[in-house]
């Protein structure tokens, strides 16, 4: 299942991942642990979310972009 639909809507897992990295950069294993999502799902989601400007890489970790924060973080 894709994180971002053709209409630009986010899946529940994508929202959970973005929420997990809204305040600080985290590595995929830490995100998987916090969200209870499988590590392979987190890794593939991070690639897709990065390609769509929702997260950015900081070394081996990821953090939510201002774009993501403006769209989903309350």
Foldseek 3Di string as FASTA:
>chain_A
DAQQDPVRDGDPLLLLLQVVQAPHWDALVVSCVVSVNDSVVSVVNVVRCVVVQQWDDDDRTIHGDPVNCVVRPD
